[in-house]
């Protein structure tokens, strides 16, 4: 019952590459490098919107550019790059000053982020509270419409996962289930680590 975000991402490139694993790894690496570059751009724009300072925005982008974790893990087939990309993209869409469907798109991005790393799902209630806090002076119908669009975006992407688990496994699993399909020694090791 692993969350399907990264496996779905990989499956697109597996289909594109056919049975050519060298091409598959090349495509994944290339896309993850592009996503990492976009994270730098998103951080630059977010910092500029928050501070209205080009120098501080440049500093934020530069600091992330030399962040060793991002440099090392970008070329590895692991969820880190996609998780970070969707996480930062969610905030970029959420705070974009002129994007018409920003809350709906941020909801889609945030829920896909949650399907990559379930612990990043904490951004969903935080962003709902941010809408309420930042938009409180709006008419109540506008405020609830914005919250509704955000929740709709989250629901469209995330809800098929627990529904699939319910219909396929006769139990409602919102994240992942570590209690079955693993040997006793693996569960003991996982308990030790967590």
N, C-alpha and C. Protein backbone atom coordinates (compact mmCIF):
# COMPACT_ATOMS: atom_id res chain seq x y z
N UNK A 1 0.81 -1.20 0.00
CA UNK A 1 0.00 0.00 0.00
C UNK A 1 0.85 1.26 0.00
N UNK A 2 1.89 1.31 -0.77
CA UNK A 2 2.69 2.53 -0.86
C UNK A 2 1.91 3.59 -1.60
N UNK A 3 2.14 4.83 -1.21
CA UNK A 3 1.48 5.90 -1.93
C UNK A 3 1.99 5.93 -3.37
N UNK A 4 1.13 6.24 -4.33
CA UNK A 4 1.47 6.02 -5.73
C UNK A 4 2.12 7.18 -6.47
N UNK A 5 2.42 8.28 -5.81
CA UNK A 5 2.90 9.46 -6.53
C UNK A 5 4.15 9.22 -7.36
N UNK A 6 5.21 8.73 -6.73
CA UNK A 6 6.46 8.53 -7.47
C UNK A 6 6.38 7.36 -8.44
N UNK A 7 5.77 6.23 -8.06
CA UNK A 7 5.63 5.15 -9.05
C UNK A 7 4.84 5.57 -10.30
N UNK A 8 3.80 6.40 -10.14
CA UNK A 8 3.07 6.90 -11.31
C UNK A 8 3.96 7.78 -12.18
N UNK A 9 4.75 8.61 -11.54
CA UNK A 9 5.71 9.46 -12.25
C UNK A 9 6.69 8.60 -13.05
N UNK A 10 7.24 7.57 -12.41
CA UNK A 10 8.17 6.68 -13.09
C UNK A 10 7.51 5.93 -14.24
N UNK A 11 6.26 5.56 -14.06
CA UNK A 11 5.59 4.76 -15.08
C UNK A 11 5.46 5.51 -16.41
N UNK A 12 5.30 6.82 -16.35
CA UNK A 12 5.22 7.61 -17.59
C UNK A 12 6.50 7.43 -18.41
N UNK A 13 7.63 7.50 -17.75
CA UNK A 13 8.91 7.40 -18.46
C UNK A 13 9.25 5.96 -18.83
N UNK A 14 8.73 5.02 -18.05
CA UNK A 14 8.91 3.61 -18.40
C UNK A 14 8.17 3.30 -19.69
N UNK A 15 6.96 3.85 -19.82
CA UNK A 15 6.19 3.66 -21.05
C UNK A 15 6.88 4.35 -22.23
N UNK A 16 7.37 5.57 -22.01
CA UNK A 16 8.05 6.30 -23.09
C UNK A 16 9.32 5.58 -23.56
N UNK A 17 10.04 4.99 -22.62
CA UNK A 17 11.32 4.35 -22.96
C UNK A 17 11.14 2.92 -23.46
N UNK A 18 9.97 2.36 -23.31
CA UNK A 18 9.79 0.97 -23.70
C UNK A 18 10.59 0.07 -22.77
N UNK A 19 11.30 -0.85 -23.35
CA UNK A 19 12.11 -1.75 -22.53
C UNK A 19 13.56 -1.30 -22.46
N UNK A 20 13.84 -0.12 -22.96
CA UNK A 20 15.20 0.41 -22.94
C UNK A 20 15.47 1.09 -21.59
N UNK A 21 16.09 0.36 -20.68
CA UNK A 21 16.31 0.88 -19.33
C UNK A 21 17.32 2.02 -19.30
N UNK A 22 18.27 2.02 -20.22
CA UNK A 22 19.23 3.12 -20.27
C UNK A 22 18.50 4.42 -20.60
N UNK A 23 17.61 4.36 -21.58
CA UNK A 23 16.81 5.54 -21.94
C UNK A 23 15.90 5.94 -20.78
N UNK A 24 15.32 4.95 -20.11
CA UNK A 24 14.46 5.21 -18.95
C UNK A 24 15.22 6.00 -17.89
N UNK A 25 16.39 5.53 -17.49
CA UNK A 25 17.19 6.23 -16.48
C UNK A 25 17.62 7.62 -16.96
N UNK A 26 17.95 7.73 -18.23
CA UNK A 26 18.34 9.02 -18.79
C UNK A 26 17.18 10.02 -18.71
N UNK A 27 15.97 9.57 -19.10
CA UNK A 27 14.81 10.46 -19.08
C UNK A 27 14.46 10.90 -17.66
N UNK A 28 14.49 9.96 -16.72
CA UNK A 28 14.21 10.30 -15.32
C UNK A 28 15.22 11.32 -14.81
N UNK A 29 16.49 11.06 -15.07
CA UNK A 29 17.54 11.97 -14.60
C UNK A 29 17.37 13.35 -15.23
N UNK A 30 17.11 13.40 -16.52
CA UNK A 30 16.93 14.67 -17.21
C UNK A 30 15.75 15.46 -16.64
N UNK A 31 14.62 14.81 -16.47
CA UNK A 31 13.43 15.49 -15.94
C UNK A 31 13.67 15.96 -14.51
N UNK A 32 14.34 15.13 -13.70
CA UNK A 32 14.60 15.54 -12.32
C UNK A 32 15.57 16.71 -12.26
N UNK A 33 16.51 16.79 -13.17
CA UNK A 33 17.40 17.96 -13.23
C UNK A 33 16.60 19.20 -13.61
N UNK A 34 15.69 19.05 -14.58
CA UNK A 34 14.83 20.18 -14.97
C UNK A 34 13.94 20.62 -13.81
N UNK A 35 13.39 19.65 -13.07
CA UNK A 35 12.55 20.00 -11.92
C UNK A 35 13.36 20.73 -10.86
N UNK A 36 14.59 20.31 -10.64
CA UNK A 36 15.45 20.98 -9.66
C UNK A 36 15.73 22.41 -10.10
N UNK A 37 15.95 22.61 -11.39
CA UNK A 37 16.13 23.96 -11.90
C UNK A 37 14.89 24.82 -11.72
N UNK A 38 13.72 24.23 -11.93
CA UNK A 38 12.48 24.97 -11.71
C UNK A 38 12.27 25.31 -10.24
N UNK A 39 12.71 24.44 -9.34
CA UNK A 39 12.63 24.75 -7.91
C UNK A 39 13.42 26.02 -7.60
N UNK A 40 14.58 26.16 -8.22
CA UNK A 40 15.39 27.37 -8.02
C UNK A 40 14.60 28.59 -8.48
N UNK A 41 13.96 28.50 -9.65
CA UNK A 41 13.16 29.61 -10.15
C UNK A 41 11.98 29.90 -9.23
N UNK A 42 11.26 28.85 -8.79
CA UNK A 42 10.12 29.05 -7.91
C UNK A 42 10.54 29.71 -6.59
N UNK A 43 11.66 29.26 -6.03
CA UNK A 43 12.15 29.87 -4.79
C UNK A 43 12.51 31.33 -5.00
N UNK A 44 13.12 31.62 -6.15
CA UNK A 44 13.44 33.01 -6.47
C UNK A 44 12.17 33.87 -6.49
N UNK A 45 11.14 33.39 -7.21
CA UNK A 45 9.90 34.17 -7.33
C UNK A 45 9.18 34.29 -5.97
N UNK A 46 9.12 33.20 -5.22
CA UNK A 46 8.47 33.26 -3.91
C UNK A 46 9.17 34.25 -2.98
N UNK A 47 10.48 34.21 -3.00
CA UNK A 47 11.24 35.13 -2.15
C UNK A 47 11.05 36.57 -2.61
N UNK A 48 11.02 36.79 -3.92
CA UNK A 48 10.80 38.14 -4.43
C UNK A 48 9.41 38.65 -4.05
N UNK A 49 8.39 37.79 -4.18
CA UNK A 49 7.04 38.21 -3.80
C UNK A 49 6.95 38.53 -2.31
N UNK A 50 7.68 37.78 -1.49
CA UNK A 50 7.62 37.98 -0.05
C UNK A 50 8.41 39.20 0.41
N UNK A 51 9.54 39.48 -0.24
CA UNK A 51 10.42 40.54 0.24
C UNK A 51 10.48 41.76 -0.66
N UNK A 52 10.08 41.62 -1.92
CA UNK A 52 10.18 42.68 -2.92
C UNK A 52 11.63 43.15 -3.10
N UNK A 53 12.56 42.21 -2.93
CA UNK A 53 13.98 42.52 -3.05
C UNK A 53 14.64 41.53 -4.00
N UNK A 54 15.21 42.04 -5.08
CA UNK A 54 15.89 41.17 -6.04
C UNK A 54 17.13 40.54 -5.42
N UNK A 55 17.84 41.27 -4.59
CA UNK A 55 19.07 40.72 -4.00
C UNK A 55 18.77 39.57 -3.04
N UNK A 56 17.72 39.70 -2.25
CA UNK A 56 17.35 38.60 -1.34
C UNK A 56 16.83 37.41 -2.13
N UNK A 57 16.09 37.67 -3.20
CA UNK A 57 15.60 36.58 -4.05
C UNK A 57 16.77 35.87 -4.72
N UNK A 58 17.75 36.62 -5.19
CA UNK A 58 18.96 36.02 -5.78
C UNK A 58 19.70 35.18 -4.75
N UNK A 59 19.79 35.66 -3.54
CA UNK A 59 20.48 34.93 -2.48
C UNK A 59 19.76 33.61 -2.18
N UNK A 60 18.43 33.65 -2.11
CA UNK A 60 17.66 32.42 -1.86
C UNK A 60 17.89 31.40 -2.97
N UNK A 61 17.84 31.86 -4.21
CA UNK A 61 18.07 30.96 -5.35
C UNK A 61 19.49 30.41 -5.33
N UNK A 62 20.45 31.25 -5.01
CA UNK A 62 21.85 30.83 -4.96
C UNK A 62 22.09 29.81 -3.85
N UNK A 63 21.50 30.05 -2.68
CA UNK A 63 21.66 29.11 -1.57
C UNK A 63 21.12 27.73 -1.93
N UNK A 64 19.95 27.69 -2.56
CA UNK A 64 19.43 26.38 -2.94
C UNK A 64 20.26 25.74 -4.04
N UNK A 65 20.80 26.55 -4.93
CA UNK A 65 21.62 26.02 -6.03
C UNK A 65 22.82 25.24 -5.53
N UNK A 66 23.34 25.63 -4.39
CA UNK A 66 24.52 24.96 -3.84
C UNK A 66 24.20 24.05 -2.66
N UNK A 67 22.92 23.76 -2.47
CA UNK A 67 22.50 22.86 -1.40
C UNK A 67 22.92 21.44 -1.77
N UNK A 68 23.83 20.83 -1.02
CA UNK A 68 24.37 19.51 -1.40
C UNK A 68 23.32 18.42 -1.55
N UNK A 69 22.32 18.42 -0.69
CA UNK A 69 21.28 17.40 -0.77
C UNK A 69 20.59 17.43 -2.13
N UNK A 70 20.24 18.63 -2.61
CA UNK A 70 19.56 18.74 -3.90
C UNK A 70 20.49 18.35 -5.05
N UNK A 71 21.75 18.67 -4.93
CA UNK A 71 22.71 18.33 -5.99
C UNK A 71 22.89 16.81 -6.09
N UNK A 72 23.04 16.16 -4.96
CA UNK A 72 23.30 14.72 -4.95
C UNK A 72 22.07 13.92 -5.34
N UNK A 73 20.91 14.24 -4.78
CA UNK A 73 19.73 13.40 -4.97
C UNK A 73 18.99 13.67 -6.29
N UNK A 74 19.34 14.72 -6.99
CA UNK A 74 18.65 15.02 -8.24
C UNK A 74 18.84 13.92 -9.28
N UNK A 75 20.00 13.31 -9.33
CA UNK A 75 20.28 12.30 -10.35
C UNK A 75 19.99 10.88 -9.87
N UNK A 76 19.45 10.72 -8.67
CA UNK A 76 19.12 9.41 -8.12
C UNK A 76 17.62 9.18 -8.28
N UNK A 77 17.25 7.97 -8.65
CA UNK A 77 15.83 7.66 -8.77
C UNK A 77 15.28 7.42 -7.37
N UNK A 78 14.76 8.49 -6.82
CA UNK A 78 14.22 8.50 -5.47
C UNK A 78 13.18 9.59 -5.39
N UNK A 79 12.30 9.55 -4.43
CA UNK A 79 11.17 10.49 -4.37
C UNK A 79 11.55 11.92 -4.00
N UNK A 80 12.78 12.15 -3.55
CA UNK A 80 13.12 13.46 -3.01
C UNK A 80 12.92 14.60 -4.01
N UNK A 81 13.38 14.43 -5.23
CA UNK A 81 13.30 15.53 -6.20
C UNK A 81 11.85 15.84 -6.55
N UNK A 82 11.05 14.82 -6.83
CA UNK A 82 9.65 15.06 -7.16
C UNK A 82 8.89 15.62 -5.97
N UNK A 83 9.17 15.12 -4.77
CA UNK A 83 8.51 15.63 -3.57
C UNK A 83 8.83 17.10 -3.35
N UNK A 84 10.09 17.44 -3.47
CA UNK A 84 10.50 18.84 -3.29
C UNK A 84 9.89 19.72 -4.38
N UNK A 85 9.90 19.24 -5.61
CA UNK A 85 9.33 20.01 -6.71
C UNK A 85 7.85 20.29 -6.49
N UNK A 86 7.07 19.26 -6.17
CA UNK A 86 5.64 19.48 -5.98
C UNK A 86 5.36 20.31 -4.73
N UNK A 87 6.19 20.19 -3.71
CA UNK A 87 6.04 20.99 -2.50
C UNK A 87 6.23 22.47 -2.80
N UNK A 88 7.33 22.81 -3.45
CA UNK A 88 7.61 24.21 -3.77
C UNK A 88 6.63 24.73 -4.82
N UNK A 89 6.27 23.88 -5.80
CA UNK A 89 5.28 24.27 -6.80
C UNK A 89 3.95 24.62 -6.15
N UNK A 90 3.56 23.89 -5.13
CA UNK A 90 2.30 24.17 -4.43
C UNK A 90 2.32 25.58 -3.85
N UNK A 91 3.41 25.96 -3.21
CA UNK A 91 3.49 27.31 -2.64
C UNK A 91 3.60 28.37 -3.74
N UNK A 92 4.30 28.04 -4.82
CA UNK A 92 4.42 28.98 -5.94
C UNK A 92 3.03 29.26 -6.53
N UNK A 93 2.25 28.21 -6.77
CA UNK A 93 0.91 28.40 -7.31
C UNK A 93 0.00 29.11 -6.32
N UNK A 94 0.11 28.74 -5.05
CA UNK A 94 -0.75 29.31 -4.01
C UNK A 94 -0.55 30.82 -3.88
N UNK A 95 0.70 31.27 -3.93
CA UNK A 95 0.99 32.69 -3.70
C UNK A 95 1.18 33.49 -4.99
N UNK A 96 0.99 32.86 -6.14
CA UNK A 96 1.15 33.58 -7.41
C UNK A 96 0.14 34.73 -7.44
N UNK A 97 0.62 35.97 -7.64
CA UNK A 97 -0.28 37.12 -7.51
C UNK A 97 -1.31 37.27 -8.63
N UNK A 98 -1.04 36.73 -9.80
CA UNK A 98 -1.96 36.99 -10.92
C UNK A 98 -2.54 35.72 -11.55
N UNK A 99 -2.35 34.59 -10.94
CA UNK A 99 -2.86 33.34 -11.48
C UNK A 99 -4.32 33.17 -11.07
N UNK A 100 -5.21 33.03 -12.06
CA UNK A 100 -6.65 33.02 -11.78
C UNK A 100 -7.09 31.80 -10.97
N UNK A 101 -6.64 30.61 -11.33
CA UNK A 101 -7.05 29.37 -10.68
C UNK A 101 -6.03 28.90 -9.65
N UNK A 102 -5.38 29.82 -8.99
CA UNK A 102 -4.23 29.47 -8.14
C UNK A 102 -4.57 28.52 -7.00
N UNK A 103 -5.71 28.68 -6.36
CA UNK A 103 -6.03 27.80 -5.24
C UNK A 103 -6.36 26.39 -5.72
N UNK A 104 -7.07 26.29 -6.82
CA UNK A 104 -7.39 24.98 -7.39
C UNK A 104 -6.11 24.26 -7.82
N UNK A 105 -5.23 24.96 -8.55
CA UNK A 105 -3.97 24.36 -9.01
C UNK A 105 -3.05 24.02 -7.84
N UNK A 106 -3.03 24.88 -6.82
CA UNK A 106 -2.23 24.57 -5.62
C UNK A 106 -2.78 23.34 -4.91
N UNK A 107 -4.09 23.16 -4.92
CA UNK A 107 -4.68 21.96 -4.33
C UNK A 107 -4.28 20.71 -5.08
N UNK A 108 -4.26 20.77 -6.41
CA UNK A 108 -3.83 19.63 -7.21
C UNK A 108 -2.37 19.31 -6.93
N UNK A 109 -1.53 20.33 -6.95
CA UNK A 109 -0.10 20.12 -6.71
C UNK A 109 0.16 19.61 -5.29
N UNK A 110 -0.53 20.20 -4.32
CA UNK A 110 -0.35 19.78 -2.93
C UNK A 110 -0.78 18.35 -2.68
N UNK A 111 -1.86 17.93 -3.33
CA UNK A 111 -2.30 16.56 -3.12
C UNK A 111 -1.38 15.57 -3.83
N UNK A 112 -0.82 15.96 -4.99
CA UNK A 112 0.15 15.06 -5.63
C UNK A 112 1.43 14.99 -4.78
N UNK A 113 1.78 16.11 -4.18
CA UNK A 113 2.92 16.13 -3.25
C UNK A 113 2.68 15.13 -2.12
N UNK A 114 1.46 15.11 -1.62
CA UNK A 114 1.10 14.19 -0.54
C UNK A 114 1.15 12.74 -1.02
N UNK A 115 0.84 12.50 -2.29
CA UNK A 115 0.92 11.14 -2.81
C UNK A 115 2.36 10.70 -3.04
N UNK A 116 3.30 11.64 -3.05
CA UNK A 116 4.72 11.29 -3.14
C UNK A 116 5.31 11.04 -1.75
N UNK A 117 5.02 11.91 -0.85
CA UNK A 117 5.50 11.82 0.54
C UNK A 117 4.33 12.18 1.44
N UNK A 118 3.78 11.20 2.10
CA UNK A 118 2.55 11.42 2.85
C UNK A 118 2.74 12.45 3.97
N UNK A 119 3.94 12.54 4.53
CA UNK A 119 4.16 13.51 5.60
C UNK A 119 4.07 14.95 5.10
N UNK A 120 4.24 15.18 3.80
CA UNK A 120 4.10 16.52 3.26
C UNK A 120 2.64 16.93 3.12
N UNK A 121 1.74 16.00 3.42
CA UNK A 121 0.32 16.32 3.41
C UNK A 121 -0.07 17.35 4.47
N UNK A 122 0.83 17.63 5.38
CA UNK A 122 0.56 18.66 6.39
C UNK A 122 0.37 20.04 5.76
N UNK A 123 0.86 20.22 4.53
CA UNK A 123 0.67 21.52 3.90
C UNK A 123 -0.80 21.77 3.55
N UNK A 124 -1.59 20.72 3.41
CA UNK A 124 -3.00 20.89 3.01
C UNK A 124 -3.78 21.68 4.07
N UNK A 125 -3.83 21.24 5.33
CA UNK A 125 -4.57 22.05 6.31
C UNK A 125 -3.91 23.41 6.56
N UNK A 126 -2.60 23.47 6.46
CA UNK A 126 -1.91 24.75 6.65
C UNK A 126 -2.34 25.75 5.57
N UNK A 127 -2.44 25.28 4.33
CA UNK A 127 -2.85 26.19 3.26
C UNK A 127 -4.33 26.56 3.35
N UNK A 128 -5.17 25.66 3.84
CA UNK A 128 -6.57 26.03 4.06
C UNK A 128 -6.64 27.14 5.10
N UNK A 129 -5.88 27.00 6.18
CA UNK A 129 -5.84 28.06 7.19
C UNK A 129 -5.26 29.35 6.62
N UNK A 130 -4.28 29.24 5.74
CA UNK A 130 -3.70 30.43 5.12
C UNK A 130 -4.74 31.14 4.25
N UNK A 131 -5.56 30.39 3.53
CA UNK A 131 -6.62 31.03 2.74
C UNK A 131 -7.56 31.79 3.67
N UNK A 132 -7.96 31.14 4.75
CA UNK A 132 -8.87 31.78 5.69
C UNK A 132 -8.25 33.04 6.30
N UNK A 133 -6.97 32.96 6.65
CA UNK A 133 -6.29 34.09 7.28
C UNK A 133 -6.04 35.23 6.28
N UNK A 134 -5.52 34.90 5.11
CA UNK A 134 -5.14 35.92 4.14
C UNK A 134 -6.34 36.53 3.42
N UNK A 135 -7.41 35.79 3.29
CA UNK A 135 -8.56 36.25 2.52
C UNK A 135 -9.76 36.58 3.41
N UNK A 136 -9.55 36.69 4.71
CA UNK A 136 -10.67 36.87 5.64
C UNK A 136 -11.48 38.13 5.36
N UNK A 137 -10.85 39.17 4.83
CA UNK A 137 -11.55 40.42 4.59
C UNK A 137 -12.44 40.36 3.33
N UNK A 138 -12.37 39.28 2.58
CA UNK A 138 -13.22 39.10 1.40
C UNK A 138 -14.65 38.77 1.86
N UNK A 139 -15.57 38.91 0.94
CA UNK A 139 -16.94 38.47 1.24
C UNK A 139 -16.90 36.99 1.56
N UNK A 140 -17.77 36.55 2.42
CA UNK A 140 -17.77 35.14 2.86
C UNK A 140 -17.98 34.18 1.68
N UNK A 141 -18.78 34.56 0.69
CA UNK A 141 -18.98 33.67 -0.45
C UNK A 141 -17.70 33.51 -1.25
N UNK A 142 -16.94 34.59 -1.41
CA UNK A 142 -15.66 34.53 -2.12
C UNK A 142 -14.66 33.69 -1.32
N UNK A 143 -14.63 33.92 -0.03
CA UNK A 143 -13.72 33.18 0.85
C UNK A 143 -13.98 31.68 0.77
N UNK A 144 -15.24 31.27 0.91
CA UNK A 144 -15.55 29.85 0.89
C UNK A 144 -15.42 29.25 -0.50
N UNK A 145 -15.61 30.06 -1.54
CA UNK A 145 -15.38 29.57 -2.89
C UNK A 145 -13.89 29.26 -3.08
N UNK A 146 -13.02 30.11 -2.55
CA UNK A 146 -11.58 29.87 -2.67
C UNK A 146 -11.16 28.63 -1.90
N UNK A 147 -11.67 28.48 -0.70
CA UNK A 147 -11.39 27.26 0.06
C UNK A 147 -11.95 26.05 -0.68
N UNK A 148 -13.14 26.19 -1.24
CA UNK A 148 -13.76 25.10 -1.98
C UNK A 148 -12.96 24.68 -3.20
N UNK A 149 -12.43 25.65 -3.95
CA UNK A 149 -11.60 25.33 -5.11
C UNK A 149 -10.33 24.60 -4.68
N UNK A 150 -9.74 25.03 -3.58
CA UNK A 150 -8.54 24.37 -3.08
C UNK A 150 -8.85 22.93 -2.69
N UNK A 151 -9.91 22.73 -1.93
CA UNK A 151 -10.30 21.39 -1.48
C UNK A 151 -10.70 20.52 -2.67
N UNK A 152 -11.34 21.10 -3.68
CA UNK A 152 -11.69 20.36 -4.88
C UNK A 152 -10.43 19.86 -5.59
N UNK A 153 -9.42 20.72 -5.72
CA UNK A 153 -8.17 20.30 -6.33
C UNK A 153 -7.51 19.17 -5.56
N UNK A 154 -7.51 19.27 -4.24
CA UNK A 154 -6.95 18.21 -3.40
C UNK A 154 -7.73 16.92 -3.60
N UNK A 155 -9.05 17.02 -3.58
CA UNK A 155 -9.90 15.84 -3.66
C UNK A 155 -9.78 15.11 -4.99
N UNK A 156 -9.68 15.85 -6.08
CA UNK A 156 -9.60 15.22 -7.40
C UNK A 156 -8.38 14.32 -7.54
N UNK A 157 -7.27 14.72 -6.94
CA UNK A 157 -6.04 13.95 -7.08
C UNK A 157 -5.88 12.93 -5.97
N UNK A 158 -6.23 13.30 -4.73
CA UNK A 158 -5.94 12.42 -3.60
C UNK A 158 -7.01 11.34 -3.36
N UNK A 159 -8.28 11.69 -3.46
CA UNK A 159 -9.33 10.75 -3.07
C UNK A 159 -9.36 9.43 -3.84
N UNK A 160 -8.95 9.38 -5.12
CA UNK A 160 -8.92 8.06 -5.77
C UNK A 160 -8.03 7.04 -5.06
N UNK A 161 -7.01 7.49 -4.34
CA UNK A 161 -6.11 6.56 -3.65
C UNK A 161 -6.80 5.82 -2.50
N UNK A 162 -7.40 6.52 -1.52
CA UNK A 162 -8.09 5.75 -0.47
C UNK A 162 -9.30 4.97 -1.00
N UNK A 163 -9.97 5.50 -2.03
CA UNK A 163 -11.09 4.75 -2.61
C UNK A 163 -10.60 3.46 -3.27
N UNK A 164 -9.50 3.53 -3.97
CA UNK A 164 -8.90 2.34 -4.58
C UNK A 164 -8.55 1.31 -3.50
N UNK A 165 -7.97 1.79 -2.41
CA UNK A 165 -7.62 0.88 -1.32
C UNK A 165 -8.87 0.22 -0.72
N UNK A 166 -9.93 1.00 -0.59
CA UNK A 166 -11.16 0.45 -0.02
C UNK A 166 -11.76 -0.62 -0.92
N UNK A 167 -11.85 -0.34 -2.21
CA UNK A 167 -12.48 -1.29 -3.14
C UNK A 167 -11.61 -2.51 -3.40
N UNK A 168 -10.29 -2.34 -3.40
CA UNK A 168 -9.40 -3.47 -3.68
C UNK A 168 -9.05 -4.29 -2.46
N UNK A 169 -9.06 -3.68 -1.28
CA UNK A 169 -8.57 -4.37 -0.08
C UNK A 169 -9.57 -4.39 1.07
N UNK A 170 -10.77 -3.90 0.81
CA UNK A 170 -11.85 -3.91 1.80
C UNK A 170 -11.50 -3.20 3.10
N UNK A 171 -10.60 -2.24 3.02
CA UNK A 171 -10.35 -1.38 4.17
C UNK A 171 -9.88 -0.02 3.66
N UNK A 172 -10.25 0.99 4.42
CA UNK A 172 -9.93 2.35 4.05
C UNK A 172 -8.54 2.70 4.56
N UNK A 173 -7.60 2.84 3.65
CA UNK A 173 -6.22 3.16 4.01
C UNK A 173 -5.90 4.50 3.35
N UNK A 174 -5.65 5.52 4.16
CA UNK A 174 -5.41 6.86 3.63
C UNK A 174 -3.95 7.07 3.22
N UNK A 175 -3.05 6.35 3.85
CA UNK A 175 -1.63 6.56 3.54
C UNK A 175 -1.03 5.27 3.01
N UNK A 176 -0.43 4.51 3.87
CA UNK A 176 0.10 3.22 3.50
C UNK A 176 0.04 2.31 4.71
N UNK A 177 -0.03 1.03 4.46
CA UNK A 177 -0.21 0.05 5.51
C UNK A 177 1.07 -0.75 5.68
N UNK A 178 1.68 -0.62 6.86
CA UNK A 178 2.93 -1.34 7.12
C UNK A 178 2.70 -2.65 7.86
N UNK A 179 1.42 -2.99 8.08
CA UNK A 179 1.17 -4.17 8.90
C UNK A 179 1.08 -5.47 8.10
N UNK A 180 0.95 -5.39 6.79
CA UNK A 180 0.82 -6.63 6.02
C UNK A 180 1.83 -6.65 4.87
N UNK A 181 1.98 -7.83 4.29
CA UNK A 181 2.87 -8.04 3.15
C UNK A 181 4.34 -7.81 3.46
N UNK A 182 4.68 -7.72 4.71
CA UNK A 182 6.08 -7.58 5.11
C UNK A 182 6.40 -8.68 6.11
N UNK A 183 7.61 -9.12 6.09
CA UNK A 183 8.02 -10.15 7.04
C UNK A 183 8.13 -9.54 8.43
N UNK A 184 8.11 -10.41 9.44
CA UNK A 184 8.20 -9.94 10.82
C UNK A 184 9.50 -9.19 11.09
N UNK A 185 10.61 -9.67 10.50
CA UNK A 185 11.88 -8.99 10.76
C UNK A 185 11.91 -7.62 10.09
N UNK A 186 11.27 -7.45 8.93
CA UNK A 186 11.23 -6.13 8.30
C UNK A 186 10.39 -5.17 9.13
N UNK A 187 9.23 -5.64 9.64
CA UNK A 187 8.39 -4.79 10.48
C UNK A 187 9.13 -4.40 11.76
N UNK A 188 9.89 -5.33 12.33
CA UNK A 188 10.66 -5.02 13.54
C UNK A 188 11.73 -3.98 13.22
N UNK A 189 12.41 -4.13 12.09
CA UNK A 189 13.43 -3.16 11.68
C UNK A 189 12.79 -1.80 11.46
N UNK A 190 11.64 -1.76 10.81
CA UNK A 190 10.95 -0.49 10.53
C UNK A 190 10.53 0.17 11.85
N UNK A 191 10.04 -0.62 12.79
CA UNK A 191 9.68 -0.06 14.10
C UNK A 191 10.89 0.51 14.81
N UNK A 192 12.03 -0.17 14.66
CA UNK A 192 13.25 0.30 15.28
C UNK A 192 13.69 1.63 14.68
N UNK A 193 13.61 1.76 13.36
CA UNK A 193 14.03 2.97 12.67
C UNK A 193 13.09 4.13 12.96
N UNK A 194 11.79 3.87 12.91
CA UNK A 194 10.82 4.95 13.11
C UNK A 194 10.66 5.23 14.58
